[in-house]
Amino acid sequence: MGSVNAGTGSVVYLDANILIYAVEDLAVYEHLLDPAGPLGVRAITRPILTRAAELRAAHTALKLPDAIHAATALLDGCTTFLTNDGRFAVVPPLPVLLLSQLP
């Protein structure tokens, strides 16, 4: 499996399925999602829900949870959206990178 180099200033959004593929031990999940852990976890806010509703209306292939993921990545200014779900490619401003595309 390849790797993603999130150089200085880069923000990579990890879709939930990426964590599921990478982590099997529940204690590791807890460490990753801990506020003091290595990953940033964002709360769902009103602006995220508003943007998600706009995305859902414009891209009916997206389900609401996926629209929330996409909206969060867009509003956080992510430079890469790492996923294994090709449906995210329908959101043009979203910088989608599929796990299968990694070298």
PDB file of N, CA and C in Angstrom:
ATOM      1  N   MET A   1       0.850  -1.168   0.000  1.00  0.00           N
ATOM      2  CA  MET A   1       0.000   0.000   0.000  1.00  0.00           C
ATOM      3  C   MET A   1       0.894   1.228   0.000  1.00  0.00           C
ATOM      4  N   GLY A   2       0.495   2.270  -0.710  1.00  0.00           N
ATOM      5  CA  GLY A   2       1.272   3.503  -0.812  1.00  0.00           C
ATOM      6  C   GLY A   2       1.082   4.402   0.387  1.00  0.00           C
ATOM      7  N   SER A   3       1.579   5.607   0.246  1.00  0.00           N
ATOM      8  CA  SER A   3       1.443   6.568   1.332  1.00  0.00           C
ATOM      9  C   SER A   3       1.086   7.929   0.772  1.00  0.00           C
ATOM     10  N   VAL A   4       0.518   8.764   1.637  1.00  0.00           N
ATOM     11  CA  VAL A   4       0.180  10.128   1.273  1.00  0.00           C
ATOM     12  C   VAL A   4       1.123  11.034   2.030  1.00  0.00           C
ATOM     13  N   ASN A   5       1.825  11.886   1.304  1.00  0.00           N
ATOM     14  CA  ASN A   5       2.723  12.825   1.950  1.00  0.00           C
ATOM     15  C   ASN A   5       1.979  14.136   2.120  1.00  0.00           C
ATOM     16  N   ALA A   6       1.550  14.431   3.342  1.00  0.00           N
ATOM     17  CA  ALA A   6       0.859  15.685   3.635  1.00  0.00           C
ATOM     18  C   ALA A   6       1.909  16.693   4.045  1.00  0.00           C
ATOM     19  N   GLY A   7       2.544  17.306   3.041  1.00  0.00           N
ATOM     20  CA  GLY A   7       3.603  18.272   3.293  1.00  0.00           C
ATOM     21  C   GLY A   7       3.115  19.461   4.100  1.00  0.00           C
ATOM     22  N   THR A   8       4.016  20.340   4.430  1.00  0.00           N
ATOM     23  CA  THR A   8       3.696  21.496   5.240  1.00  0.00           C
ATOM     24  C   THR A   8       2.525  22.256   4.638  1.00  0.00           C
ATOM     25  N   GLY A   9       1.535  22.531   5.464  1.00  0.00           N
ATOM     26  CA  GLY A   9       0.373  23.275   5.023  1.00  0.00           C
ATOM     27  C   GLY A   9      -0.710  22.429   4.387  1.00  0.00           C
ATOM     28  N   SER A  10      -0.464  21.159   4.160  1.00  0.00           N
ATOM     29  CA  SER A  10      -1.471  20.293   3.561  1.00  0.00           C
ATOM     30  C   SER A  10      -2.392  19.737   4.644  1.00  0.00           C
ATOM     31  N   VAL A  11      -3.657  19.609   4.284  1.00  0.00           N
ATOM     32  CA  VAL A  11      -4.632  19.027   5.198  1.00  0.00           C
ATOM     33  C   VAL A  11      -5.312  17.888   4.464  1.00  0.00           C
ATOM     34  N   VAL A  12      -5.183  16.680   4.985  1.00  0.00           N
ATOM     35  CA  VAL A  12      -5.763  15.496   4.361  1.00  0.00           C
ATOM     36  C   VAL A  12      -6.977  15.068   5.172  1.00  0.00           C
ATOM     37  N   TYR A  13      -8.120  14.933   4.506  1.00  0.00           N
ATOM     38  CA  TYR A  13      -9.339  14.442   5.132  1.00  0.00           C
ATOM     39  C   TYR A  13      -9.385  12.940   4.930  1.00  0.00           C
ATOM     40  N   LEU A  14      -9.516  12.187   5.999  1.00  0.00           N
ATOM     41  CA  LEU A  14      -9.606  10.731   5.906  1.00  0.00           C
ATOM     42  C   LEU A  14     -11.060  10.318   6.018  1.00  0.00           C
ATOM     43  N   ASP A  15     -11.598   9.746   4.962  1.00  0.00           N
ATOM     44  CA  ASP A  15     -12.937   9.198   5.010  1.00  0.00           C
ATOM     45  C   ASP A  15     -12.933   8.052   6.012  1.00  0.00           C
ATOM     46  N   ALA A  16     -14.063   7.808   6.629  1.00  0.00           N
ATOM     47  CA  ALA A  16     -14.145   6.788   7.680  1.00  0.00           C
ATOM     48  C   ALA A  16     -13.677   5.421   7.193  1.00  0.00           C
ATOM     49  N   ASN A  17     -13.938   5.097   5.934  1.00  0.00           N
ATOM     50  CA  ASN A  17     -13.540   3.771   5.456  1.00  0.00           C
ATOM     51  C   ASN A  17     -12.022   3.605   5.423  1.00  0.00           C
ATOM     52  N   ILE A  18     -11.284   4.700   5.315  1.00  0.00           N
ATOM     53  CA  ILE A  18      -9.825   4.611   5.345  1.00  0.00           C
ATOM     54  C   ILE A  18      -9.371   4.150   6.725  1.00  0.00           C
ATOM     55  N   LEU A  19      -9.972   4.704   7.764  1.00  0.00           N
ATOM     56  CA  LEU A  19      -9.624   4.274   9.122  1.00  0.00           C
ATOM     57  C   LEU A  19     -10.010   2.815   9.357  1.00  0.00           C
ATOM     58  N   ILE A  20     -11.152   2.419   8.830  1.00  0.00           N
ATOM     59  CA  ILE A  20     -11.598   1.038   9.001  1.00  0.00           C
ATOM     60  C   ILE A  20     -10.617   0.078   8.337  1.00  0.00           C
ATOM     61  N   TYR A  21     -10.116   0.429   7.142  1.00  0.00           N
ATOM     62  CA  TYR A  21      -9.147  -0.425   6.464  1.00  0.00           C
ATOM     63  C   TYR A  21      -7.835  -0.510   7.237  1.00  0.00           C
ATOM     64  N   ALA A  22      -7.426   0.602   7.827  1.00  0.00           N
ATOM     65  CA  ALA A  22      -6.106   0.689   8.440  1.00  0.00           C
ATOM     66  C   ALA A  22      -6.053   0.173   9.870  1.00  0.00           C
ATOM     67  N   VAL A  23      -7.180   0.225  10.554  1.00  0.00           N
ATOM     68  CA  VAL A  23      -7.169  -0.067  11.985  1.00  0.00           C
ATOM     69  C   VAL A  23      -8.191  -1.152  12.304  1.00  0.00           C
ATOM     70  N   GLU A  24      -7.741  -2.159  12.993  1.00  0.00           N
ATOM     71  CA  GLU A  24      -8.660  -3.216  13.408  1.00  0.00           C
ATOM     72  C   GLU A  24      -8.809  -3.277  14.919  1.00  0.00           C
ATOM     73  N   ASP A  25      -7.852  -2.786  15.649  1.00  0.00           N
ATOM     74  CA  ASP A  25      -7.850  -2.838  17.107  1.00  0.00           C
ATOM     75  C   ASP A  25      -8.659  -1.650  17.658  1.00  0.00           C
ATOM     76  N   LEU A  26      -9.720  -1.905  18.475  1.00  0.00           N
ATOM     77  CA  LEU A  26     -10.574  -0.809  18.977  1.00  0.00           C
ATOM     78  C   LEU A  26      -9.821   0.156  19.854  1.00  0.00           C
ATOM     79  N   ALA A  27      -8.767  -0.296  20.533  1.00  0.00           N
ATOM     80  CA  ALA A  27      -7.971   0.622  21.360  1.00  0.00           C
ATOM     81  C   ALA A  27      -7.251   1.628  20.469  1.00  0.00           C
ATOM     82  N   VAL A  28      -6.827   1.210  19.283  1.00  0.00           N
ATOM     83  CA  VAL A  28      -6.159   2.111  18.350  1.00  0.00           C
ATOM     84  C   VAL A  28      -7.154   3.157  17.851  1.00  0.00           C
ATOM     85  N   TYR A  29      -8.399   2.752  17.564  1.00  0.00           N
ATOM     86  CA  TYR A  29      -9.432   3.716  17.175  1.00  0.00           C
ATOM     87  C   TYR A  29      -9.570   4.805  18.227  1.00  0.00           C
ATOM     88  N   GLU A  30      -9.662   4.377  19.481  1.00  0.00           N
ATOM     89  CA  GLU A  30      -9.829   5.341  20.569  1.00  0.00           C
ATOM     90  C   GLU A  30      -8.662   6.313  20.624  1.00  0.00           C
ATOM     91  N   HIS A  31      -7.461   5.826  20.421  1.00  0.00           N
ATOM     92  CA  HIS A  31      -6.287   6.699  20.425  1.00  0.00           C
ATOM     93  C   HIS A  31      -6.344   7.690  19.264  1.00  0.00           C
ATOM     94  N   LEU A  32      -6.699   7.208  18.079  1.00  0.00           N
ATOM     95  CA  LEU A  32      -6.753   8.075  16.907  1.00  0.00           C
ATOM     96  C   LEU A  32      -7.805   9.163  17.036  1.00  0.00           C
ATOM     97  N   LEU A  33      -8.934   8.830  17.641  1.00  0.00           N
ATOM     98  CA  LEU A  33     -10.041   9.779  17.737  1.00  0.00           C
ATOM     99  C   LEU A  33     -10.006  10.625  19.006  1.00  0.00           C
ATOM    100  N   ASP A  34      -9.064  10.365  19.884  1.00  0.00           N
ATOM    101  CA  ASP A  34      -8.912  11.163  21.100  1.00  0.00           C
ATOM    102  C   ASP A  34      -8.546  12.602  20.703  1.00  0.00           C
ATOM    103  N   PRO A  35      -9.154  13.608  21.347  1.00  0.00           N
ATOM    104  CA  PRO A  35      -8.824  15.002  21.008  1.00  0.00           C
ATOM    105  C   PRO A  35      -7.333  15.326  21.094  1.00  0.00           C
ATOM    106  N   ALA A  36      -6.596  14.626  21.937  1.00  0.00           N
ATOM    107  CA  ALA A  36      -5.157  14.847  22.041  1.00  0.00           C
ATOM    108  C   ALA A  36      -4.370  13.912  21.122  1.00  0.00           C
ATOM    109  N   GLY A  37      -5.079  13.085  20.357  1.00  0.00           N
ATOM    110  CA  GLY A  37      -4.434  12.124  19.469  1.00  0.00           C
ATOM    111  C   GLY A  37      -3.891  12.771  18.208  1.00  0.00           C
ATOM    112  N   PRO A  38      -3.388  11.952  17.306  1.00  0.00           N
ATOM    113  CA  PRO A  38      -2.713  12.464  16.100  1.00  0.00           C
ATOM    114  C   PRO A  38      -3.654  13.012  15.026  1.00  0.00           C
ATOM    115  N   LEU A  39      -4.942  12.706  15.108  1.00  0.00           N
ATOM    116  CA  LEU A  39      -5.882  13.171  14.092  1.00  0.00           C
ATOM    117  C   LEU A  39      -6.786  14.263  14.649  1.00  0.00           C
ATOM    118  N   GLY A  40      -7.105  15.231  13.815  1.00  0.00           N
ATOM    119  CA  GLY A  40      -8.071  16.254  14.210  1.00  0.00           C
ATOM    120  C   GLY A  40      -9.472  15.735  13.959  1.00  0.00           C
ATOM    121  N   VAL A  41     -10.356  15.909  14.912  1.00  0.00           N
ATOM    122  CA  VAL A  41     -11.740  15.484  14.775  1.00  0.00           C
ATOM    123  C   VAL A  41     -12.601  16.734  14.815  1.00  0.00           C
ATOM    124  N   ARG A  42     -13.462  16.901  13.840  1.00  0.00           N
ATOM    125  CA  ARG A  42     -14.292  18.093  13.743  1.00  0.00           C
ATOM    126  C   ARG A  42     -15.709  17.796  14.198  1.00  0.00           C
ATOM    127  N   ALA A  43     -16.273  18.726  14.934  1.00  0.00           N
ATOM    128  CA  ALA A  43     -17.681  18.631  15.311  1.00  0.00           C
ATOM    129  C   ALA A  43     -18.534  19.049  14.118  1.00  0.00           C
ATOM    130  N   ILE A  44     -19.718  18.497  14.037  1.00  0.00           N
ATOM    131  CA  ILE A  44     -20.641  18.899  12.976  1.00  0.00           C
ATOM    132  C   ILE A  44     -21.304  20.201  13.421  1.00  0.00           C
ATOM    133  N   THR A  45     -21.109  21.239  12.624  1.00  0.00           N
ATOM    134  CA  THR A  45     -21.629  22.563  12.952  1.00  0.00           C
ATOM    135  C   THR A  45     -22.734  22.954  11.969  1.00  0.00           C
ATOM    136  N   ARG A  46     -23.426  24.042  12.292  1.00  0.00           N
ATOM    137  CA  ARG A  46     -24.485  24.531  11.399  1.00  0.00           C
ATOM    138  C   ARG A  46     -23.942  24.850   9.992  1.00  0.00           C
ATOM    139  N   PRO A  47     -22.786  25.539   9.862  1.00  0.00           N
ATOM    140  CA  PRO A  47     -22.261  25.777   8.509  1.00  0.00           C
ATOM    141  C   PRO A  47     -21.956  24.486   7.743  1.00  0.00           C
ATOM    142  N   ILE A  48     -21.487  23.471   8.438  1.00  0.00           N
ATOM    143  CA  ILE A  48     -21.237  22.183   7.782  1.00  0.00           C
ATOM    144  C   ILE A  48     -22.546  21.585   7.289  1.00  0.00           C
ATOM    145  N   LEU A  49     -23.583  21.622   8.124  1.00  0.00           N
ATOM    146  CA  LEU A  49     -24.874  21.065   7.714  1.00  0.00           C
ATOM    147  C   LEU A  49     -25.493  21.844   6.554  1.00  0.00           C
ATOM    148  N   THR A  50     -25.322  23.168   6.567  1.00  0.00           N
ATOM    149  CA  THR A  50     -25.835  23.990   5.470  1.00  0.00           C
ATOM    150  C   THR A  50     -25.137  23.635   4.164  1.00  0.00           C
ATOM    151  N   ARG A  51     -23.802  23.546   4.209  1.00  0.00           N
ATOM    152  CA  ARG A  51     -23.029  23.190   3.007  1.00  0.00           C
ATOM    153  C   ARG A  51     -23.362  21.771   2.567  1.00  0.00           C
ATOM    154  N   ALA A  52     -23.543  20.853   3.515  1.00  0.00           N
ATOM    155  CA  ALA A  52     -23.902  19.473   3.186  1.00  0.00           C
ATOM    156  C   ALA A  52     -25.251  19.426   2.467  1.00  0.00           C
ATOM    157  N   ALA A  53     -26.204  20.226   2.913  1.00  0.00           N
ATOM    158  CA  ALA A  53     -27.516  20.271   2.262  1.00  0.00           C
ATOM    159  C   ALA A  53     -27.387  20.789   0.831  1.00  0.00           C
ATOM    160  N   GLU A  54     -26.531  21.787   0.630  1.00  0.00           N
ATOM    161  CA  GLU A  54     -26.295  22.315  -0.715  1.00  0.00           C
ATOM    162  C   GLU A  54     -25.660  21.256  -1.611  1.00  0.00           C
ATOM    163  N   LEU A  55     -24.675  20.544  -1.069  1.00  0.00           N
ATOM    164  CA  LEU A  55     -24.009  19.490  -1.841  1.00  0.00           C
ATOM    165  C   LEU A  55     -24.974  18.367  -2.182  1.00  0.00           C
ATOM    166  N   ARG A  56     -25.791  17.992  -1.220  1.00  0.00           N
ATOM    167  CA  ARG A  56     -26.767  16.906  -1.414  1.00  0.00           C
ATOM    168  C   ARG A  56     -27.770  17.283  -2.493  1.00  0.00           C
ATOM    169  N   ALA A  57     -28.198  18.551  -2.495  1.00  0.00           N
ATOM    170  CA  ALA A  57     -29.152  19.016  -3.505  1.00  0.00           C
ATOM    171  C   ALA A  57     -28.524  19.039  -4.894  1.00  0.00           C
ATOM    172  N   ALA A  58     -27.257  19.405  -4.965  1.00  0.00           N
ATOM    173  CA  ALA A  58     -26.570  19.508  -6.254  1.00  0.00           C
ATOM    174  C   ALA A  58     -26.082  18.162  -6.784  1.00  0.00           C
ATOM    175  N   HIS A  59     -25.815  17.236  -5.882  1.00  0.00           N
ATOM    176  CA  HIS A  59     -25.230  15.941  -6.258  1.00  0.00           C
ATOM    177  C   HIS A  59     -26.041  14.823  -5.604  1.00  0.00           C
ATOM    178  N   THR A  60     -27.099  14.423  -6.241  1.00  0.00           N
ATOM    179  CA  THR A  60     -28.020  13.459  -5.639  1.00  0.00           C
ATOM    180  C   THR A  60     -27.403  12.076  -5.434  1.00  0.00           C
ATOM    181  N   ALA A  61     -26.247  11.817  -6.036  1.00  0.00           N
ATOM    182  CA  ALA A  61     -25.564  10.539  -5.806  1.00  0.00           C
ATOM    183  C   ALA A  61     -25.001  10.461  -4.392  1.00  0.00           C
ATOM    184  N   LEU A  62     -24.809  11.626  -3.760  1.00  0.00           N
ATOM    185  CA  LEU A  62     -24.276  11.647  -2.392  1.00  0.00           C
ATOM    186  C   LEU A  62     -25.386  11.399  -1.384  1.00  0.00           C
ATOM    187  N   LYS A  63     -25.137  10.530  -0.452  1.00  0.00           N
ATOM    188  CA  LYS A  63     -26.052  10.360   0.668  1.00  0.00           C
ATOM    189  C   LYS A  63     -25.700  11.430   1.696  1.00  0.00           C
ATOM    190  N   LEU A  64     -26.609  11.718   2.601  1.00  0.00           N
ATOM    191  CA  LEU A  64     -26.393  12.794   3.563  1.00  0.00           C
ATOM    192  C   LEU A  64     -25.107  12.627   4.373  1.00  0.00           C
ATOM    193  N   PRO A  65     -24.803  11.436   4.911  1.00  0.00           N
ATOM    194  CA  PRO A  65     -23.535  11.318   5.648  1.00  0.00           C
ATOM    195  C   PRO A  65     -22.317  11.646   4.780  1.00  0.00           C
ATOM    196  N   ASP A  66     -22.350  11.230   3.513  1.00  0.00           N
ATOM    197  CA  ASP A  66     -21.249  11.543   2.606  1.00  0.00           C
ATOM    198  C   ASP A  66     -21.173  13.041   2.336  1.00  0.00           C
ATOM    199  N   ALA A  67     -22.318  13.683   2.189  1.00  0.00           N
ATOM    200  CA  ALA A  67     -22.351  15.132   1.979  1.00  0.00           C
ATOM    201  C   ALA A  67     -21.771  15.862   3.189  1.00  0.00           C
ATOM    202  N   ILE A  68     -22.008  15.337   4.375  1.00  0.00           N
ATOM    203  CA  ILE A  68     -21.435  15.940   5.593  1.00  0.00           C
ATOM    204  C   ILE A  68     -19.920  15.798   5.580  1.00  0.00           C
ATOM    205  N   HIS A  69     -19.420  14.631   5.183  1.00  0.00           N
ATOM    206  CA  HIS A  69     -17.967  14.446   5.071  1.00  0.00           C
ATOM    207  C   HIS A  69     -17.380  15.439   4.066  1.00  0.00           C
ATOM    208  N   ALA A  70     -17.999  15.533   2.890  1.00  0.00           N
ATOM    209  CA  ALA A  70     -17.503  16.424   1.846  1.00  0.00           C
ATOM    210  C   ALA A  70     -17.545  17.881   2.303  1.00  0.00           C
ATOM    211  N   ALA A  71     -18.632  18.282   2.923  1.00  0.00           N
ATOM    212  CA  ALA A  71     -18.763  19.666   3.400  1.00  0.00           C
ATOM    213  C   ALA A  71     -17.707  19.983   4.446  1.00  0.00           C
ATOM    214  N   THR A  72     -17.449  19.048   5.342  1.00  0.00           N
ATOM    215  CA  THR A  72     -16.436  19.257   6.376  1.00  0.00           C
ATOM    216  C   THR A  72     -15.066  19.454   5.743  1.00  0.00           C
ATOM    217  N   ALA A  73     -14.731  18.609   4.787  1.00  0.00           N
ATOM    218  CA  ALA A  73     -13.430  18.722   4.113  1.00  0.00           C
ATOM    219  C   ALA A  73     -13.310  20.046   3.369  1.00  0.00           C
ATOM    220  N   LEU A  74     -14.364  20.435   2.672  1.00  0.00           N
ATOM    221  CA  LEU A  74     -14.334  21.685   1.923  1.00  0.00           C
ATOM    222  C   LEU A  74     -14.200  22.891   2.847  1.00  0.00           C
ATOM    223  N   LEU A  75     -14.995  22.914   3.902  1.00  0.00           N
ATOM    224  CA  LEU A  75     -14.957  24.060   4.815  1.00  0.00           C
ATOM    225  C   LEU A  75     -13.665  24.128   5.618  1.00  0.00           C
ATOM    226  N   ASP A  76     -13.023  22.990   5.827  1.00  0.00           N
ATOM    227  CA  ASP A  76     -11.735  22.980   6.545  1.00  0.00           C
ATOM    228  C   ASP A  76     -10.559  23.246   5.606  1.00  0.00           C
ATOM    229  N   GLY A  77     -10.827  23.396   4.320  1.00  0.00           N
ATOM    230  CA  GLY A  77      -9.770  23.703   3.367  1.00  0.00           C
ATOM    231  C   GLY A  77      -8.825  22.544   3.114  1.00  0.00           C
ATOM    232  N   CYS A  78      -9.345  21.332   3.166  1.00  0.00           N
ATOM    233  CA  CYS A  78      -8.501  20.154   2.945  1.00  0.00           C
ATOM    234  C   CYS A  78      -7.942  20.154   1.527  1.00  0.00           C
ATOM    235  N   THR A  79      -6.680  19.794   1.425  1.00  0.00           N
ATOM    236  CA  THR A  79      -6.012  19.730   0.120  1.00  0.00           C
ATOM    237  C   THR A  79      -6.110  18.345  -0.503  1.00  0.00           C
ATOM    238  N   THR A  80      -6.531  17.364   0.289  1.00  0.00           N
ATOM    239  CA  THR A  80      -6.741  16.003  -0.202  1.00  0.00           C
ATOM    240  C   THR A  80      -7.887  15.374   0.578  1.00  0.00           C
ATOM    241  N   PHE A  81      -8.765  14.666  -0.125  1.00  0.00           N
ATOM    242  CA  PHE A  81      -9.845  13.908   0.498  1.00  0.00           C
ATOM    243  C   PHE A  81      -9.571  12.452   0.165  1.00  0.00           C
ATOM    244  N   LEU A  82      -8.996  11.724   1.111  1.00  0.00           N
ATOM    245  CA  LEU A  82      -8.602  10.337   0.887  1.00  0.00           C
ATOM    246  C   LEU A  82      -9.764   9.412   1.212  1.00  0.00           C
ATOM    247  N   THR A  83     -10.156   8.624   0.226  1.00  0.00           N
ATOM    248  CA  THR A  83     -11.306   7.746   0.376  1.00  0.00           C
ATOM    249  C   THR A  83     -11.135   6.535  -0.526  1.00  0.00           C
ATOM    250  N   ASN A  84     -12.035   5.599  -0.403  1.00  0.00           N
ATOM    251  CA  ASN A  84     -12.086   4.480  -1.337  1.00  0.00           C
ATOM    252  C   ASN A  84     -13.441   4.457  -2.031  1.00  0.00           C
ATOM    253  N   ASP A  85     -14.162   5.582  -1.912  1.00  0.00           N
ATOM    254  CA  ASP A  85     -15.509   5.713  -2.451  1.00  0.00           C
ATOM    255  C   ASP A  85     -15.506   6.702  -3.613  1.00  0.00           C
ATOM    256  N   GLY A  86     -15.574   6.190  -4.821  1.00  0.00           N
ATOM    257  CA  GLY A  86     -15.513   7.017  -6.015  1.00  0.00           C
ATOM    258  C   GLY A  86     -16.670   7.979  -6.186  1.00  0.00           C
ATOM    259  N   ARG A  87     -17.760   7.799  -5.415  1.00  0.00           N
ATOM    260  CA  ARG A  87     -18.894   8.715  -5.541  1.00  0.00           C
ATOM    261  C   ARG A  87     -18.540  10.143  -5.149  1.00  0.00           C
ATOM    262  N   PHE A  88     -17.485  10.321  -4.355  1.00  0.00           N
ATOM    263  CA  PHE A  88     -17.092  11.673  -3.958  1.00  0.00           C
ATOM    264  C   PHE A  88     -16.553  12.481  -5.134  1.00  0.00           C
ATOM    265  N   ALA A  89     -16.179  11.822  -6.206  1.00  0.00           N
ATOM    266  CA  ALA A  89     -15.643  12.523  -7.375  1.00  0.00           C
ATOM    267  C   ALA A  89     -16.678  13.419  -8.045  1.00  0.00           C
ATOM    268  N   VAL A  90     -17.960  13.249  -7.715  1.00  0.00           N
ATOM    269  CA  VAL A  90     -19.000  14.092  -8.317  1.00  0.00           C
ATOM    270  C   VAL A  90     -19.000  15.505  -7.749  1.00  0.00           C
ATOM    271  N   VAL A  91     -18.249  15.735  -6.682  1.00  0.00           N
ATOM    272  CA  VAL A  91     -18.174  17.065  -6.071  1.00  0.00           C
ATOM    273  C   VAL A  91     -16.921  17.745  -6.622  1.00  0.00           C
ATOM    274  N   PRO A  92     -17.068  18.585  -7.675  1.00  0.00           N
ATOM    275  CA  PRO A  92     -15.906  19.139  -8.383  1.00  0.00           C
ATOM    276  C   PRO A  92     -14.857  19.840  -7.516  1.00  0.00           C
ATOM    277  N   PRO A  93     -15.220  20.658  -6.535  1.00  0.00           N
ATOM    278  CA  PRO A  93     -14.124  21.320  -5.816  1.00  0.00           C
ATOM    279  C   PRO A  93     -13.417  20.415  -4.805  1.00  0.00           C
ATOM    280  N   LEU A  94     -13.935  19.211  -4.591  1.00  0.00           N
ATOM    281  CA  LEU A  94     -13.363  18.309  -3.600  1.00  0.00           C
ATOM    282  C   LEU A  94     -12.140  17.608  -4.188  1.00  0.00           C
ATOM    283  N   PRO A  95     -10.959  17.757  -3.547  1.00  0.00           N
ATOM    284  CA  PRO A  95      -9.723  17.145  -4.073  1.00  0.00           C
ATOM    285  C   PRO A  95      -9.633  15.663  -3.703  1.00  0.00           C
ATOM    286  N   VAL A  96     -10.373  14.826  -4.420  1.00  0.00           N
ATOM    287  CA  VAL A  96     -10.510  13.403  -4.099  1.00  0.00           C
ATOM    288  C   VAL A  96      -9.288  12.616  -4.555  1.00  0.00           C
ATOM    289  N   LEU A  97      -8.794  11.776  -3.659  1.00  0.00           N
ATOM    290  CA  LEU A  97      -7.753  10.808  -3.981  1.00  0.00           C
ATOM    291  C   LEU A  97      -8.240   9.462  -3.497  1.00  0.00           C
ATOM    292  N   LEU A  98      -8.384   8.527  -4.443  1.00  0.00           N
ATOM    293  CA  LEU A  98      -8.835   7.187  -4.083  1.00  0.00           C
ATOM    294  C   LEU A  98      -7.661   6.373  -3.569  1.00  0.00           C
ATOM    295  N   LEU A  99      -7.937   5.560  -2.576  1.00  0.00           N
ATOM    296  CA  LEU A  99      -6.901   4.694  -1.997  1.00  0.00           C
ATOM    297  C   LEU A  99      -6.245   3.848  -3.081  1.00  0.00           C
ATOM    298  N   SER A 100      -7.032   3.403  -4.046  1.00  0.00           N
ATOM    299  CA  SER A 100      -6.495   2.579  -5.130  1.00  0.00           C
ATOM    300  C   SER A 100      -5.562   3.347  -6.061  1.00  0.00           C
ATOM    301  N   GLN A 101      -5.545   4.682  -5.989  1.00  0.00           N
ATOM    302  CA  GLN A 101      -4.672   5.490  -6.829  1.00  0.00           C
ATOM    303  C   GLN A 101      -3.306   5.729  -6.207  1.00  0.00           C
ATOM    304  N   LEU A 102      -3.140   5.328  -4.962  1.00  0.00           N
ATOM    305  CA  LEU A 102      -1.833   5.526  -4.315  1.00  0.00           C
ATOM    306  C   LEU A 102      -0.804   4.598  -4.951  1.00  0.00           C
ATOM    307  N   PRO A 103       0.416   5.085  -5.106  1.00  0.00           N
ATOM    308  CA  PRO A 103       1.459   4.242  -5.709  1.00  0.00           C
ATOM    309  C   PRO A 103       1.841   3.079  -4.810  1.00  0.00           C
TER     310      PRO A 103
END
